[in-house]
Amino acid sequence: MNLDLAPEDKAFRDQVRAFIAEALPPALAKKVEDQRILSKDDHLTWQRALARQGWSAPHWPKSAGGPGFTPVQRYIFQQECALAYAPRLIPFGLNMVGPVIIEFGTDSQKAKYLPKILASEEWWCQGYSEPDSGSDLASLRTRATRDGDHYVLQGTKTWTTLAQYADRMFCLARTGDKEGKKQEGISFFLIDMKTPGVTLRPIITFDGKHEINEVRLDGVRVPVEDRVGEEGAGWTIAKFLLGYERVGIAQVAASMGQLARLKRIMKAEKLDSPVFRDKVAQVEIELRALEMTELRIVTAEAQGKAPGPEASLLKIKGTEIGQAITELLVEAVGYDALPDRWRMDEGDNMPPIGPDYADSIAPYYFNWRKTSIFGGSNEIQRNIIAKAVLRL
């Protein structure tokens, strides 16, 4: 595999680096490096800077208002942003429902939703998982019943990330009979979060943060024109969306940034243990191997192919490596990762305990446990690989 960039791609990389150096506030980059929870304003600061540059939707074609990046340019852009500790783009509008609307939406849906997603004027959340339907998403129970020119939705969605900030939610709901394959009879809807009957309940995670939510849909009326695709085509759309979500969950470049952070902490802590250094080396070897897999997917995209079972492989290994890095970070700082330190709120008048870089490591460790579950658990990904590659 030739890993050398073409001259035009090297020039693009230099352009991205220059933009990041000018547009990314150092204090915001430090928050990302330390894996602190970002506010909506933090995300908007970066996303609006990207919007002014015309780079807020790297996956979108020019015809839809995106930059029209080639797959290689998109890879370079994402890698440089991650290595510079830029905030990760909130994916639900820009990377998930936006491409769905571009691919499956009507002209009126594109005109109504895409410009506001591009400008970060409207935020979205994802209404997929339910209390009894997570990795087995096809077993979802939320029902949409046709009533004239509306559908009436009844059900509950859970683990809905950042729904407290969202203006709209894209949602899967069952419109067909339960007979036959459970993947059939599911439709894809766009819901205004201000619609009567939408109720949000915060779910506070182990680190004391409010990141996820339960969303109840109690007789929520959704216009027929806010159904994407034909009735019953929701599973096809969901598979299209999940392929791109699973590639993004791997966060290879972000793991490289956290690996570099780990090495800086090792130097500060004067960690010279051969056993610990061997653990770090093993993770780095696996991460570099995974980077090659990611580059193979980039090559396939350049040839016009959508992500296949490779996306599942990338998701499995990417999340496992990310979790391994969080474990090494905790091991590196030792007792300074204890809960008495990381549970202190901003503005607490207690004197600091240990080095400044330690207080965000335990929350990062606990929060990262979820990555092997969301986007389809790693067990489900192994089933996908078994069926698609091994033909089991």
Protein backbone atom coordinates (compact mmCIF):
# COMPACT_ATOMS: atom_id res chain seq x y z
CA MET A 1 0.00 0.00 0.00
CA ASN A 2 1.38 3.40 -1.03
CA LEU A 3 0.79 5.75 1.89
CA ASP A 4 2.31 8.84 0.26
CA LEU A 5 -0.13 11.66 -0.36
CA ALA A 6 -0.47 13.17 -3.80
CA PRO A 7 0.85 16.76 -4.09
CA GLU A 8 -2.66 18.20 -4.19
CA ASP A 9 -3.59 16.28 -1.03
CA LYS A 10 -0.47 17.53 0.76
CA ALA A 11 -1.47 21.07 -0.19
CA PHE A 12 -4.96 20.44 1.18
CA ARG A 13 -3.49 19.09 4.43
CA ASP A 14 -1.44 22.28 4.80
CA GLN A 15 -4.59 24.33 4.21
CA VAL A 16 -6.47 22.41 6.92
CA ARG A 17 -3.62 22.83 9.40
CA ALA A 18 -3.46 26.58 8.75
CA PHE A 19 -7.21 26.92 9.23
CA ILE A 20 -7.18 24.96 12.50
CA ALA A 21 -4.29 27.03 13.85
CA GLU A 22 -6.27 30.21 13.21
CA ALA A 23 -9.83 29.13 14.04
CA LEU A 24 -9.54 26.71 16.98
CA PRO A 25 -9.30 28.48 20.38
CA PRO A 26 -6.48 26.93 22.46
CA ALA A 27 -8.69 26.75 25.56
CA LEU A 28 -11.27 24.74 23.63
CA ALA A 29 -8.58 22.39 22.27
CA LYS A 30 -7.35 21.85 25.83
CA LYS A 31 -10.85 20.87 26.97
CA VAL A 32 -11.03 18.32 24.15
CA GLU A 33 -7.55 16.98 24.90
CA ASP A 34 -8.51 16.49 28.56
CA GLN A 35 -11.79 14.82 27.48
CA ARG A 36 -13.99 17.23 29.43
CA ILE A 37 -17.70 17.51 28.71
CA LEU A 38 -18.25 20.30 26.18
CA SER A 39 -21.16 22.73 26.33
CA LYS A 40 -23.41 23.49 23.39
CA ASP A 41 -21.62 26.83 23.01
CA ASP A 42 -18.28 24.99 22.80
CA HIS A 43 -19.57 22.88 19.93
CA LEU A 44 -21.19 25.86 18.20
CA THR A 45 -17.95 27.86 18.38
CA TRP A 46 -16.19 25.23 16.29
CA GLN A 47 -19.06 24.20 14.03
CA ARG A 48 -19.82 27.80 13.05
CA ALA A 49 -16.15 28.44 12.31
CA LEU A 50 -16.29 25.42 10.01
CA ALA A 51 -19.54 26.67 8.46
CA ARG A 52 -17.90 30.00 7.61
CA GLN A 53 -15.11 28.07 5.90
CA GLY A 54 -17.63 25.86 4.10
CA TRP A 55 -16.34 22.73 5.85
CA SER A 56 -19.08 22.00 8.38
CA ALA A 57 -20.37 18.93 6.52
CA PRO A 58 -17.34 17.01 5.18
CA HIS A 59 -19.49 14.06 4.04
CA TRP A 60 -21.82 16.19 1.90
CA PRO A 61 -21.48 16.72 -1.85
CA LYS A 62 -21.24 20.22 -3.29
CA SER A 63 -24.70 19.87 -4.81
CA ALA A 64 -26.15 19.72 -1.28
CA GLY A 65 -24.07 22.59 0.10
CA GLY A 66 -21.12 20.56 1.33
CA PRO A 67 -17.45 21.06 0.44
CA GLY A 68 -17.40 18.15 -2.00
CA PHE A 69 -14.34 16.59 -0.39
CA THR A 70 -12.86 13.52 -2.00
CA PRO A 71 -12.65 10.50 0.35
CA VAL A 72 -8.93 11.22 0.82
CA GLN A 73 -9.57 14.89 1.61
CA ARG A 74 -12.27 13.90 4.08
CA TYR A 75 -9.86 11.49 5.77
CA ILE A 76 -7.16 14.18 5.96
CA PHE A 77 -9.63 16.73 7.34
CA GLN A 78 -10.92 14.40 10.04
CA GLN A 79 -7.44 13.23 11.00
CA GLU A 80 -6.00 16.75 11.29
CA CYS A 81 -8.98 17.98 13.34
CA ALA A 82 -8.69 15.04 15.75
CA LEU A 83 -4.91 15.33 16.15
CA ALA A 84 -5.31 19.07 16.89
CA TYR A 85 -7.97 18.26 19.55
CA ALA A 86 -10.78 20.04 17.73
CA PRO A 87 -14.26 19.18 19.03
CA ARG A 88 -15.80 16.22 17.29
CA LEU A 89 -18.68 17.32 15.07
CA ILE A 90 -22.01 16.50 16.69
CA PRO A 91 -22.87 13.73 14.21
CA PHE A 92 -26.65 13.50 14.34
CA GLY A 93 -27.44 16.29 11.89
CA LEU A 94 -24.25 16.68 9.88
CA ASN A 95 -23.08 13.08 9.55
CA MET A 96 -26.25 11.06 9.99
CA VAL A 97 -29.65 12.53 9.09
CA GLY A 98 -28.12 15.02 6.63
CA PRO A 99 -26.71 12.27 4.35
CA VAL A 100 -30.00 10.36 4.74
CA ILE A 101 -32.04 13.35 3.53
CA ILE A 102 -29.58 13.89 0.67
CA GLU A 103 -29.90 10.24 -0.39
CA PHE A 104 -33.57 9.50 0.32
CA GLY A 105 -35.33 12.81 0.99
CA THR A 106 -37.70 14.78 -1.21
CA ASP A 107 -36.75 18.13 -2.71
CA SER A 108 -38.93 19.92 -0.14
CA GLN A 109 -37.24 18.03 2.73
CA LYS A 110 -33.82 18.97 1.39
CA ALA A 111 -34.80 22.64 1.08
CA LYS A 112 -36.39 22.68 4.54
CA TYR A 113 -33.72 20.91 6.59
CA LEU A 114 -30.30 20.88 4.93
CA PRO A 115 -29.46 24.62 5.08
CA LYS A 116 -30.22 24.81 8.82
CA ILE A 117 -28.16 21.69 9.52
CA LEU A 118 -25.23 23.18 7.59
CA ALA A 119 -25.39 26.45 9.50
CA SER A 120 -25.82 24.68 12.90
CA GLU A 121 -29.11 26.53 13.32
CA GLU A 122 -30.94 23.30 14.11
CA TRP A 123 -29.58 20.43 16.18
CA TRP A 124 -30.77 16.85 15.88
CA CYS A 125 -30.82 13.76 18.05
CA GLN A 126 -31.25 10.08 17.16
CA GLY A 127 -34.41 8.20 18.16
CA TYR A 128 -33.33 4.60 17.63
CA SER A 129 -32.79 2.64 20.87
CA GLU A 130 -35.72 1.76 23.12
CA PRO A 131 -35.91 0.31 26.65
CA ASP A 132 -36.21 -3.22 25.20
CA SER A 133 -34.61 -2.64 21.78
CA GLY A 134 -30.97 -1.64 21.72
CA SER A 135 -28.57 -3.77 19.71
CA ASP A 136 -31.57 -5.72 18.37
CA LEU A 137 -33.00 -2.54 16.90
CA ALA A 138 -35.40 -4.36 14.58
CA SER A 139 -37.45 -5.38 17.65
CA LEU A 140 -38.46 -1.76 18.29
CA ARG A 141 -42.02 -1.17 19.52
CA THR A 142 -42.64 2.52 18.92
CA ARG A 143 -45.62 2.62 16.57
CA ALA A 144 -46.68 5.19 13.99
CA THR A 145 -50.36 4.97 13.00
CA ARG A 146 -51.56 6.81 9.88
CA ASP A 147 -54.30 9.37 10.59
CA GLY A 148 -55.10 11.34 7.45
CA ASP A 149 -52.15 13.57 6.55
CA HIS A 150 -50.35 12.76 9.82
CA TYR A 151 -48.87 9.80 11.65
CA VAL A 152 -49.52 9.43 15.38
CA LEU A 153 -46.46 8.11 17.23
CA GLN A 154 -46.60 6.24 20.52
CA GLY A 155 -43.55 4.81 22.30
CA THR A 156 -40.32 5.51 24.15
CA LYS A 157 -36.76 6.10 22.98
CA THR A 158 -33.81 5.88 25.37
CA TRP A 159 -30.08 6.67 25.59
CA THR A 160 -30.88 9.64 23.34
CA THR A 161 -27.63 11.60 23.32
CA LEU A 162 -27.85 15.40 23.70
CA ALA A 163 -31.62 15.41 23.20
CA GLN A 164 -31.74 18.27 25.73
CA TYR A 165 -30.14 20.49 23.07
CA ALA A 166 -31.96 19.09 20.04
CA ASP A 167 -34.52 20.96 17.95
CA ARG A 168 -35.48 17.83 16.01
CA MET A 169 -35.14 14.06 16.20
CA PHE A 170 -34.95 11.45 13.45
CA CYS A 171 -36.82 8.39 14.57
CA LEU A 172 -37.62 4.82 13.57
CA ALA A 173 -41.16 3.63 14.21
CA ARG A 174 -43.19 0.59 13.22
CA THR A 175 -45.87 1.26 10.60
CA GLY A 176 -46.56 -2.29 9.40
CA ASP A 177 -47.87 -5.51 10.91
CA LYS A 178 -45.68 -7.62 13.19
CA GLU A 179 -46.04 -10.62 10.90
CA GLY A 180 -43.07 -11.61 8.74
CA LYS A 181 -39.51 -10.38 9.24
CA LYS A 182 -39.23 -7.87 12.07
CA GLN A 183 -37.10 -5.60 9.87
CA GLU A 184 -40.10 -5.04 7.62
CA GLY A 185 -42.76 -2.45 8.35
CA ILE A 186 -40.42 0.14 9.92
CA SER A 187 -40.46 3.76 8.72
CA PHE A 188 -38.16 6.77 9.19
CA PHE A 189 -39.57 10.03 10.57
CA LEU A 190 -38.38 13.57 11.26
CA ILE A 191 -39.87 14.98 14.47
CA ASP A 192 -39.99 18.51 15.84
CA MET A 193 -39.02 18.21 19.52
CA LYS A 194 -41.51 20.99 20.39
CA THR A 195 -44.45 18.90 19.15
CA PRO A 196 -47.06 18.25 21.88
CA GLY A 197 -46.58 14.80 23.38
CA VAL A 198 -42.76 14.83 23.27
CA THR A 199 -41.42 14.52 26.83
CA LEU A 200 -37.75 14.39 27.75
CA ARG A 201 -36.37 12.86 30.94
CA PRO A 202 -32.66 13.33 31.73
CA ILE A 203 -30.53 10.25 32.47
CA ILE A 204 -27.55 11.13 34.66
CA THR A 205 -24.52 8.97 33.94
CA PHE A 206 -22.09 7.51 36.47
CA ASP A 207 -19.78 10.51 36.24
CA GLY A 208 -22.62 12.84 37.27
CA LYS A 209 -23.07 14.33 33.79
CA HIS A 210 -26.23 14.88 31.76
CA GLU A 211 -25.45 13.58 28.29
CA ILE A 212 -28.23 11.09 27.53
CA ASN A 213 -32.01 11.10 27.89
CA GLU A 214 -35.24 9.17 27.67
CA VAL A 215 -37.74 10.59 25.16
CA ARG A 216 -41.41 9.65 25.44
CA LEU A 217 -43.68 9.98 22.41
CA ASP A 218 -47.28 10.14 23.59
CA GLY A 219 -49.65 10.70 20.67
CA VAL A 220 -47.11 12.80 18.78
CA ARG A 221 -48.51 13.94 15.42
CA VAL A 222 -45.96 13.97 12.59
CA PRO A 223 -46.92 15.23 9.11
CA VAL A 224 -46.73 12.65 6.34
CA GLU A 225 -44.30 14.92 4.50
CA ASP A 226 -41.83 14.36 7.37
CA ARG A 227 -41.56 10.66 6.61
CA VAL A 228 -38.33 9.98 4.72
CA GLY A 229 -38.66 7.43 1.93
CA GLU A 230 -41.60 5.15 1.38
CA GLU A 231 -43.61 3.70 4.25
CA GLY A 232 -41.85 0.55 5.39
CA ALA A 233 -38.46 1.57 3.96
CA GLY A 234 -37.03 2.61 7.32
CA TRP A 235 -34.77 -0.40 7.78
CA THR A 236 -33.02 0.22 4.46
CA ILE A 237 -32.43 3.83 5.50
CA ALA A 238 -31.27 2.77 8.96
CA LYS A 239 -28.66 0.40 7.50
CA PHE A 240 -27.40 3.18 5.23
CA LEU A 241 -27.03 5.48 8.22
CA LEU A 242 -25.50 2.92 10.58
CA GLY A 243 -22.71 2.06 8.14
CA TYR A 244 -21.40 5.62 8.37
CA GLU A 245 -22.04 5.84 12.12
CA ARG A 246 -19.92 2.74 12.81
CA VAL A 247 -16.96 4.10 10.87
CA GLY A 248 -17.15 7.31 12.90
CA ILE A 249 -17.42 5.52 16.24
CA ALA A 250 -13.97 3.98 15.72
CA GLN A 251 -12.34 7.43 16.09
CA VAL A 252 -8.90 6.23 15.02
CA ALA A 253 -7.35 9.71 14.84
CA ALA A 254 -8.88 10.70 18.19
CA SER A 255 -7.30 7.60 19.75
CA MET A 256 -3.97 8.68 18.28
CA GLY A 257 -4.41 12.03 20.01
CA GLN A 258 -5.19 10.35 23.33
CA LEU A 259 -2.21 8.01 22.88
CA ALA A 260 0.01 11.07 22.47
CA ARG A 261 -1.57 12.51 25.63
CA LEU A 262 -0.81 9.24 27.47
CA LYS A 263 2.85 9.47 26.46
CA ARG A 264 3.06 13.04 27.78
CA ILE A 265 1.55 11.91 31.08
CA MET A 266 4.02 8.99 31.24
CA LYS A 267 6.85 11.51 30.90
CA ALA A 268 5.36 13.78 33.58
CA GLU A 269 4.82 10.82 35.93
CA LYS A 270 8.31 9.45 35.11
CA LEU A 271 6.85 6.07 34.22
CA ASP A 272 9.75 3.92 33.04
CA SER A 273 8.27 0.51 33.86
CA PRO A 274 9.09 -1.93 31.02
CA VAL A 275 5.80 -3.74 31.66
CA PHE A 276 3.76 -0.54 31.29
CA ARG A 277 5.71 0.59 28.25
CA ASP A 278 5.05 -2.81 26.67
CA LYS A 279 1.29 -2.33 27.19
CA VAL A 280 1.45 1.08 25.50
CA ALA A 281 3.48 -0.32 22.60
CA GLN A 282 0.97 -3.13 22.06
CA VAL A 283 -1.92 -0.66 21.89
CA GLU A 284 0.00 1.54 19.47
CA ILE A 285 0.75 -1.43 17.20
CA GLU A 286 -2.94 -2.36 17.12
CA LEU A 287 -3.93 1.26 16.47
CA ARG A 288 -1.53 1.55 13.54
CA ALA A 289 -2.89 -1.69 12.10
CA LEU A 290 -6.43 -0.34 12.45
CA GLU A 291 -5.36 2.81 10.63
CA MET A 292 -4.50 0.60 7.65
CA THR A 293 -8.03 -0.85 7.76
CA GLU A 294 -9.44 2.66 7.80
CA LEU A 295 -7.31 3.56 4.78
CA ARG A 296 -8.66 0.52 2.94
CA ILE A 297 -12.19 1.84 3.56
CA VAL A 298 -11.10 5.27 2.27
CA THR A 299 -9.75 3.57 -0.86
CA ALA A 300 -13.04 1.70 -1.34
CA GLU A 301 -15.00 4.95 -0.97
CA ALA A 302 -12.76 6.57 -3.58
CA GLN A 303 -13.88 3.77 -5.91
CA GLY A 304 -17.54 4.55 -5.20
CA LYS A 305 -18.20 1.75 -2.72
CA ALA A 306 -20.22 2.27 0.47
CA PRO A 307 -18.88 0.94 3.79
CA GLY A 308 -19.49 -2.80 4.09
CA PRO A 309 -18.66 -5.31 6.83
CA GLU A 310 -15.32 -3.52 7.19
CA ALA A 311 -17.23 -0.83 9.07
CA SER A 312 -18.18 -3.42 11.68
CA LEU A 313 -14.56 -4.52 12.01
CA LEU A 314 -13.45 -0.92 12.39
CA LYS A 315 -16.13 -0.30 15.01
CA ILE A 316 -15.17 -3.36 17.09
CA LYS A 317 -11.44 -2.80 17.13
CA GLY A 318 -11.64 0.98 17.30
CA THR A 319 -13.78 0.96 20.42
CA GLU A 320 -11.68 -1.76 22.07
CA ILE A 321 -8.48 0.21 21.46
CA GLY A 322 -10.10 3.41 22.71
CA GLN A 323 -11.15 1.65 25.90
CA ALA A 324 -7.66 0.19 26.34
CA ILE A 325 -6.18 3.70 26.16
CA THR A 326 -8.54 4.93 28.89
CA GLU A 327 -7.44 2.02 31.08
CA LEU A 328 -3.79 2.90 30.57
CA LEU A 329 -4.50 6.54 31.41
CA VAL A 330 -6.08 5.50 34.72
CA GLU A 331 -3.15 3.21 35.44
CA ALA A 332 -0.69 6.00 34.63
CA VAL A 333 -2.12 8.50 37.14
CA GLY A 334 -2.91 5.91 39.82
CA TYR A 335 -4.57 7.26 42.96
CA ASP A 336 -5.08 10.69 41.39
CA ALA A 337 -7.95 9.16 39.38
CA LEU A 338 -9.94 8.38 42.54
CA PRO A 339 -13.59 9.57 42.64
CA ASP A 340 -12.94 12.11 45.40
CA ARG A 341 -11.02 14.09 42.83
CA TRP A 342 -13.04 13.75 39.64
CA ARG A 343 -16.46 14.29 41.21
CA MET A 344 -15.58 17.90 42.12
CA ASP A 345 -17.57 20.39 40.05
CA GLU A 346 -16.14 23.36 38.18
CA GLY A 347 -15.78 26.27 40.55
CA ASP A 348 -15.39 24.05 43.60
CA ASN A 349 -13.35 25.88 46.28
CA MET A 350 -11.60 22.71 47.43
CA PRO A 351 -7.84 22.76 46.87
CA PRO A 352 -6.66 20.74 43.84
CA ILE A 353 -5.52 17.18 44.46
CA GLY A 354 -2.71 15.88 42.30
CA PRO A 355 -1.75 17.14 38.82
CA ASP A 356 -4.19 19.11 36.67
CA TYR A 357 -4.19 16.49 33.92
CA ALA A 358 -5.57 13.76 36.20
CA ASP A 359 -9.02 15.01 37.17
CA SER A 360 -10.74 14.22 33.85
CA ILE A 361 -9.29 10.74 33.34
CA ALA A 362 -11.73 8.70 35.44
CA PRO A 363 -14.84 10.28 33.86
CA TYR A 364 -13.30 9.62 30.43
CA TYR A 365 -12.68 5.99 31.41
CA PHE A 366 -16.23 5.42 32.64
CA ASN A 367 -17.86 7.28 29.75
CA TRP A 368 -15.90 5.28 27.18
CA ARG A 369 -17.38 1.96 28.43
CA LYS A 370 -20.43 2.76 26.30
CA THR A 371 -18.64 2.78 22.95
CA SER A 372 -18.61 -0.99 22.58
CA ILE A 373 -22.40 -0.94 22.99
CA PHE A 374 -23.83 1.98 21.03
CA GLY A 375 -24.06 1.99 17.24
CA GLY A 376 -24.82 -1.72 17.53
CA SER A 377 -22.96 -3.66 20.21
CA ASN A 378 -19.68 -5.32 19.34
CA GLU A 379 -21.38 -8.71 19.69
CA ILE A 380 -23.85 -7.69 16.99
CA GLN A 381 -20.96 -6.48 14.82
CA ARG A 382 -19.35 -9.91 15.08
CA ASN A 383 -22.61 -11.47 13.89
CA ILE A 384 -22.64 -9.10 10.91
CA ILE A 385 -19.06 -10.07 10.02
CA ALA A 386 -19.89 -13.77 10.40
CA LYS A 387 -22.82 -13.48 8.00
CA ALA A 388 -21.27 -11.11 5.46
CA VAL A 389 -17.70 -12.38 5.35
CA LEU A 390 -17.62 -15.93 6.73
CA ARG A 391 -21.09 -16.79 5.36
CA LEU A 392 -22.06 -18.42 8.66
